[in-house]
N, C-alpha and C. Protein backbone atom coordinates (compact mmCIF):
# COMPACT_ATOMS: atom_id res chain seq x y z
N MET A 1 -10.50 6.85 -4.19
CA MET A 1 -9.56 6.36 -5.49
C MET A 1 -10.13 6.62 -6.82
N GLN A 2 -9.53 6.19 -7.84
CA GLN A 2 -9.90 6.14 -9.16
C GLN A 2 -9.41 5.08 -9.86
N PRO A 3 -10.47 4.35 -10.54
CA PRO A 3 -9.90 3.49 -11.14
C PRO A 3 -8.69 3.16 -11.88
N GLY A 4 -7.98 1.97 -11.36
CA GLY A 4 -6.67 1.78 -11.61
C GLY A 4 -5.80 2.11 -11.02
N ALA A 5 -6.23 2.50 -9.77
CA ALA A 5 -5.18 3.13 -8.51
C ALA A 5 -4.81 1.40 -8.31
N ARG A 6 -3.64 0.85 -7.79
CA ARG A 6 -3.01 -0.04 -7.34
C ARG A 6 -2.51 -0.22 -6.39
N ILE A 7 -2.43 -0.77 -5.21
CA ILE A 7 -1.41 -0.34 -3.85
C ILE A 7 -1.23 -2.12 -3.49
N GLY A 8 0.23 -1.98 -3.49
CA GLY A 8 0.65 -3.60 -3.21
C GLY A 8 0.96 -3.74 -1.84
N LEU A 9 0.73 -4.89 -1.00
CA LEU A 9 1.27 -4.97 0.30
C LEU A 9 2.13 -6.58 0.38
N MET A 10 3.14 -6.67 0.85
CA MET A 10 4.14 -7.51 0.94
C MET A 10 4.70 -7.87 1.92
N SER A 11 5.20 -9.14 2.35
CA SER A 11 6.14 -9.21 3.56
C SER A 11 7.70 -9.08 3.51
N LYS A 12 8.10 -8.38 4.03
CA LYS A 12 9.66 -8.32 3.88
C LYS A 12 10.43 -9.46 4.46
N ASP A 13 10.01 -10.56 4.72
CA ASP A 13 10.39 -11.92 5.28
C ASP A 13 10.53 -12.71 3.41
N ASP A 14 9.87 -11.75 2.70
CA ASP A 14 9.77 -12.87 1.35
C ASP A 14 9.76 -11.54 0.05
N PHE A 15 10.83 -11.25 0.16
CA PHE A 15 11.14 -10.21 -0.76
C PHE A 15 11.98 -10.08 -1.69
N GLU A 16 12.24 -11.15 -1.98
CA GLU A 16 13.09 -11.67 -3.71
C GLU A 16 12.17 -11.61 -4.63
N PRO A 17 12.81 -10.95 -5.56
CA PRO A 17 11.79 -11.13 -6.60
C PRO A 17 12.79 -12.41 -7.25
N PRO A 18 11.81 -13.55 -8.16
CA PRO A 18 10.53 -13.38 -8.59
C PRO A 18 9.99 -14.18 -8.03
N SER A 19 10.31 -15.01 -6.65
CA SER A 19 9.37 -15.92 -5.62
C SER A 19 8.46 -15.11 -5.07
N ALA A 20 9.02 -13.54 -4.49
CA ALA A 20 8.33 -13.19 -3.76
C ALA A 20 6.26 -12.44 -4.23
N ALA A 21 5.75 -12.78 -3.70
CA ALA A 21 4.34 -12.33 -3.87
C ALA A 21 4.06 -11.18 -3.06
N MET A 22 2.94 -10.50 -3.94
CA MET A 22 2.57 -9.46 -2.85
C MET A 22 0.82 -9.70 -3.10
N MET A 23 0.00 -8.59 -2.41
CA MET A 23 -1.38 -8.29 -2.03
C MET A 23 -1.43 -7.46 -2.99
N VAL A 24 -2.43 -7.17 -3.92
CA VAL A 24 -2.63 -6.16 -4.70
C VAL A 24 -4.16 -5.59 -4.35
N TRP A 25 -4.03 -4.42 -3.76
CA TRP A 25 -5.70 -4.06 -3.95
C TRP A 25 -5.72 -2.52 -5.08
N GLU A 26 -6.58 -3.14 -6.05
CA GLU A 26 -6.73 -2.24 -7.28
C GLU A 26 -8.46 -1.84 -7.32
N ALA A 27 -8.66 -0.43 -7.40
CA ALA A 27 -9.52 0.22 -7.46
C ALA A 27 -10.32 -0.15 -9.04
N THR A 28 -11.63 -0.04 -9.29
CA THR A 28 -12.22 -0.58 -9.94
C THR A 28 -13.35 0.71 -10.03
N ALA A 29 -14.34 0.41 -11.31
CA ALA A 29 -15.23 1.40 -10.87
C ALA A 29 -16.35 0.79 -10.22
N GLN A 30 -16.12 -0.20 -9.68
CA GLN A 30 -17.29 -0.92 -8.75
C GLN A 30 -16.80 -0.46 -7.29
N ALA A 31 -15.54 -1.13 -7.23
CA ALA A 31 -15.06 -1.51 -5.89
C ALA A 31 -13.71 -1.50 -5.43
N MET A 32 -13.00 -2.00 -4.52
CA MET A 32 -11.74 -2.02 -4.76
C MET A 32 -11.62 -4.27 -4.50
N GLN A 33 -10.60 -4.41 -5.51
CA GLN A 33 -10.45 -5.87 -5.68
C GLN A 33 -9.19 -6.50 -5.11
N ALA A 34 -9.32 -7.33 -4.22
CA ALA A 34 -7.99 -8.06 -3.81
C ALA A 34 -7.65 -9.05 -4.62
N LYS A 35 -6.23 -9.03 -5.14
CA LYS A 35 -5.27 -10.47 -5.68
C LYS A 35 -4.07 -10.61 -5.04
N TYR A 36 -3.68 -11.78 -6.02
CA TYR A 36 -2.23 -11.80 -5.49
C TYR A 36 -1.63 -11.93 -6.37
N GLU A 37 -0.41 -11.25 -6.48
CA GLU A 37 0.72 -11.17 -7.91
C GLU A 37 2.24 -11.35 -7.51
N ALA A 38 2.64 -11.60 -8.37
CA ALA A 38 3.97 -12.10 -8.28
C ALA A 38 4.65 -10.24 -8.15
N PHE A 39 5.75 -10.48 -7.26
CA PHE A 39 6.52 -8.82 -6.92
C PHE A 39 7.85 -9.10 -8.03
N PRO A 40 7.60 -8.61 -9.36
CA PRO A 40 8.86 -8.72 -10.26
C PRO A 40 9.96 -7.75 -10.17
N GLY A 41 9.69 -6.94 -8.89
CA GLY A 41 10.88 -6.22 -8.62
C GLY A 41 10.49 -4.62 -8.76
N PHE A 42 11.58 -3.52 -8.29
CA PHE A 42 10.76 -2.29 -8.25
C PHE A 42 10.85 -2.02 -9.77
N ASP A 43 11.57 -2.10 -10.44
CA ASP A 43 12.19 -1.32 -11.86
C ASP A 43 10.55 -1.87 -12.79
N GLN A 44 10.29 -3.17 -12.45
CA GLN A 44 8.85 -3.50 -13.08
C GLN A 44 7.34 -3.78 -12.92
N VAL A 45 7.34 -3.45 -11.46
CA VAL A 45 6.20 -3.39 -10.76
C VAL A 45 5.07 -2.32 -11.24
N LYS A 46 3.90 -3.15 -11.29
CA LYS A 46 2.69 -2.24 -11.63
C LYS A 46 1.62 -1.47 -10.68
N ILE A 47 2.29 -1.32 -9.42
CA ILE A 47 1.45 -0.36 -8.87
C ILE A 47 2.03 0.84 -8.50
N ASP A 48 1.34 1.66 -7.41
CA ASP A 48 1.55 3.26 -7.28
C ASP A 48 2.18 3.31 -5.67
N LEU A 49 1.49 2.24 -4.61
CA LEU A 49 2.08 2.27 -3.49
C LEU A 49 2.61 0.98 -2.87
N LEU A 50 3.50 0.57 -2.22
CA LEU A 50 3.98 -0.50 -1.88
C LEU A 50 4.03 -0.47 -0.26
N PHE A 51 3.25 -1.45 0.46
CA PHE A 51 3.58 -0.91 1.95
C PHE A 51 4.45 -2.78 2.04
N ILE A 52 5.35 -2.22 3.02
CA ILE A 52 6.03 -3.84 3.42
C ILE A 52 6.09 -4.39 5.24
N ALA A 53 5.81 -5.23 5.57
CA ALA A 53 5.65 -5.45 6.70
C ALA A 53 6.16 -6.76 6.87
N ASP A 54 6.74 -6.98 8.24
CA ASP A 54 7.11 -8.24 8.68
C ASP A 54 5.59 -9.03 8.61
N GLU A 55 6.07 -10.38 9.07
CA GLU A 55 4.84 -11.83 8.59
C GLU A 55 3.78 -11.20 10.18
N ALA A 56 4.72 -11.09 11.07
CA ALA A 56 3.81 -10.93 12.77
C ALA A 56 2.85 -9.38 12.04
N THR A 57 2.96 -8.77 11.73
CA THR A 57 2.46 -7.27 11.32
C THR A 57 1.07 -7.77 10.14
N LEU A 58 1.62 -8.19 9.33
CA LEU A 58 0.64 -8.91 8.04
C LEU A 58 -0.47 -9.45 8.82
N ARG A 59 -0.04 -10.94 9.82
CA ARG A 59 -0.87 -11.71 10.64
C ARG A 59 -1.92 -10.56 11.41
N ARG A 60 -1.65 -9.96 11.78
CA ARG A 60 -2.55 -8.90 12.97
C ARG A 60 -3.33 -7.91 11.78
N ILE A 61 -3.06 -7.47 10.59
CA ILE A 61 -3.84 -6.80 9.73
C ILE A 61 -4.91 -7.28 9.52
N HIS A 62 -4.80 -8.74 8.97
CA HIS A 62 -5.39 -9.75 8.43
C HIS A 62 -6.43 -10.52 9.51
N ASP A 63 -5.85 -10.23 10.71
CA ASP A 63 -6.81 -11.06 11.63
C ASP A 63 -8.35 -10.39 11.74
N ALA A 64 -9.07 -11.53 11.88
CA ALA A 64 -10.71 -10.96 11.99
C ALA A 64 -10.77 -10.37 13.53
N ALA A 65 -10.00 -10.23 14.30
CA ALA A 65 -10.02 -9.87 15.69
C ALA A 65 -9.67 -8.64 15.71
N THR A 66 -8.84 -8.00 14.74
CA THR A 66 -8.47 -6.63 14.57
C THR A 66 -9.62 -6.03 13.68
N HIS A 67 -10.58 -5.27 14.98
CA HIS A 67 -11.83 -4.50 14.70
C HIS A 67 -10.94 -3.34 13.75
N ALA A 68 -10.33 -2.74 13.80
CA ALA A 68 -9.41 -1.75 12.92
C ALA A 68 -8.20 -1.58 12.19
N PRO A 69 -8.11 -2.68 11.00
CA PRO A 69 -6.82 -2.96 10.20
C PRO A 69 -6.61 -1.49 9.72
N PHE A 70 -7.45 -0.74 9.48
CA PHE A 70 -6.65 0.82 8.61
C PHE A 70 -5.74 1.24 9.93
N ALA A 71 -6.69 1.42 11.03
CA ALA A 71 -5.78 1.82 12.14
C ALA A 71 -4.39 1.47 12.71
N GLU A 72 -4.62 0.14 12.37
CA GLU A 72 -3.17 -0.68 12.75
C GLU A 72 -2.38 -0.29 11.91
N ILE A 73 -2.56 -0.09 10.36
CA ILE A 73 -1.85 0.11 9.26
C ILE A 73 -1.08 1.73 9.46
N LYS A 74 -2.05 2.37 9.65
CA LYS A 74 -1.67 4.15 10.08
C LYS A 74 -0.31 4.22 11.12
N THR A 75 -0.67 3.49 12.27
CA THR A 75 -0.11 3.32 13.34
C THR A 75 1.44 2.50 13.14
N LYS A 76 1.39 1.97 12.41
CA LYS A 76 2.42 1.09 12.27
C LYS A 76 3.24 1.85 10.86
N VAL A 77 2.81 2.44 10.56
CA VAL A 77 3.03 3.39 9.00
C VAL A 77 4.21 4.27 9.72
N ARG A 78 3.27 4.96 10.95
CA ARG A 78 3.91 6.17 11.93
C ARG A 78 5.26 6.04 12.57
N ARG A 79 5.25 4.31 13.32
CA ARG A 79 6.38 3.76 13.89
C ARG A 79 7.14 2.92 12.92
N ARG A 80 7.31 3.06 11.91
CA ARG A 80 8.08 2.64 10.66
C ARG A 80 8.31 1.14 10.95
N ASP A 81 6.88 0.44 11.61
CA ASP A 81 7.24 -0.82 11.32
C ASP A 81 6.81 -1.12 10.19
N ILE A 82 6.08 -0.43 9.49
CA ILE A 82 5.83 -0.57 7.90
C ILE A 82 6.32 0.26 7.27
N LEU A 83 7.27 -0.04 6.02
CA LEU A 83 7.59 0.63 5.39
C LEU A 83 6.97 0.82 3.91
N LEU A 84 6.63 2.11 3.53
CA LEU A 84 6.03 2.81 2.21
C LEU A 84 6.85 3.08 1.29
N TYR A 85 6.60 2.41 -0.14
CA TYR A 85 7.49 2.93 -1.05
C TYR A 85 6.37 3.51 -2.30
N VAL A 86 7.12 4.71 -2.22
CA VAL A 86 5.93 5.37 -3.18
C VAL A 86 6.85 5.45 -4.72
N VAL A 87 5.70 4.67 -5.59
CA VAL A 87 6.28 3.99 -7.17
C VAL A 87 5.92 4.93 -7.97
N THR A 88 4.87 5.53 -7.99
CA THR A 88 4.44 6.50 -9.12
C THR A 88 4.53 7.87 -8.85
N PRO A 89 4.82 8.92 -9.58
CA PRO A 89 4.96 10.13 -9.44
C PRO A 89 4.14 10.89 -8.82
N ARG A 90 4.27 12.08 -8.02
CA ARG A 90 3.37 12.40 -7.25
C ARG A 90 2.32 12.85 -7.97
N GLN A 91 2.27 13.71 -9.32
CA GLN A 91 1.23 14.31 -9.95
C GLN A 91 0.15 13.04 -10.21
N ASP A 92 1.25 11.69 -10.73
CA ASP A 92 -0.05 10.91 -11.28
C ASP A 92 -0.70 10.13 -9.98
N LEU A 93 -0.21 10.15 -8.59
CA LEU A 93 -1.19 9.63 -7.52
C LEU A 93 -1.99 11.04 -7.46
N LEU A 94 -1.52 11.86 -7.55
CA LEU A 94 -3.01 12.90 -7.39
C LEU A 94 -4.15 13.21 -8.17
N ASN A 95 -4.10 12.75 -9.51
CA ASN A 95 -5.04 12.36 -10.58
C ASN A 95 -5.61 11.15 -9.85
N LEU A 96 -4.77 9.81 -9.54
CA LEU A 96 -5.62 8.56 -9.11
C LEU A 96 -6.30 9.10 -7.85
N GLY A 97 -6.22 10.08 -7.28
CA GLY A 97 -7.15 10.03 -6.27
C GLY A 97 -6.30 9.53 -4.85
N TYR A 98 -4.90 9.95 -4.56
CA TYR A 98 -4.39 9.05 -3.62
C TYR A 98 -4.06 10.14 -2.30
N GLY A 99 -4.57 11.32 -2.46
CA GLY A 99 -4.08 12.69 -1.61
C GLY A 99 -4.72 12.25 -0.07
N GLU A 100 -6.04 12.42 -0.41
CA GLU A 100 -6.92 11.73 0.97
C GLU A 100 -6.37 10.57 1.62
N PHE A 101 -5.97 9.73 1.06
CA PHE A 101 -5.71 8.50 1.58
C PHE A 101 -4.27 8.45 2.33
N LEU A 102 -3.27 9.13 1.47
CA LEU A 102 -2.21 9.24 2.31
C LEU A 102 -2.61 10.33 3.40
N GLU A 103 -2.90 11.37 3.30
CA GLU A 103 -3.48 12.42 4.53
C GLU A 103 -4.02 11.45 5.49
N SER A 104 -4.96 10.69 5.43
CA SER A 104 -5.17 9.79 6.41
C SER A 104 -4.66 9.08 6.91
N LEU A 105 -3.32 8.79 6.20
CA LEU A 105 -2.38 7.94 7.17
C LEU A 105 -1.14 8.76 8.14
N GLY A 106 -1.60 9.75 8.17
CA GLY A 106 -1.02 10.89 8.43
C GLY A 106 0.31 11.26 7.78
N LEU A 107 0.59 10.90 7.15
CA LEU A 107 1.61 11.51 5.74
C LEU A 107 1.58 12.72 4.93
N VAL A 108 2.39 13.76 4.80
CA VAL A 108 2.49 14.87 4.39
C VAL A 108 2.59 14.69 2.88
N PHE A 109 1.75 14.58 2.52
CA PHE A 109 1.73 14.78 0.86
C PHE A 109 1.86 15.81 -0.05
N MET A 110 0.77 16.56 0.24
CA MET A 110 0.72 18.05 -0.37
C MET A 110 1.60 19.09 -0.02
N GLY A 111 2.13 18.93 1.17
CA GLY A 111 2.96 20.36 1.66
C GLY A 111 2.04 21.29 2.19
N THR A 112 2.87 22.24 2.63
CA THR A 112 1.97 23.45 3.22
C THR A 112 1.25 24.21 2.23
N CYS A 113 1.68 24.28 1.00
CA CYS A 113 0.85 25.07 -0.02
C CYS A 113 -0.08 24.14 -0.80
N ARG A 114 -1.16 24.37 -0.90
CA ARG A 114 -2.11 23.90 -1.87
C ARG A 114 -2.49 24.55 -3.08
């Protein structure tokens, strides 16, 4: 992903702005950085994708005993146990390098014609 790409992850059990918090992964030129930010609501949020899951799922993803947290996310997204909201327009997502990431989750992003 390109610098500036931002992905949010938050609990569906604490979803009401302005008290809701989300973890944000942001791509920089060096690496991905994680930090907590307030969730201001969909009309003001400054992220590209937002994953929303229940507390048990979030604990499992962050548990050191979960050897493949990305695989866990992929499975939960496919089962719709984790909801994914796409906040940024498709072309902007492509420019930020999200195509491969979304395809790795098993989501059809580009369609059949490229």
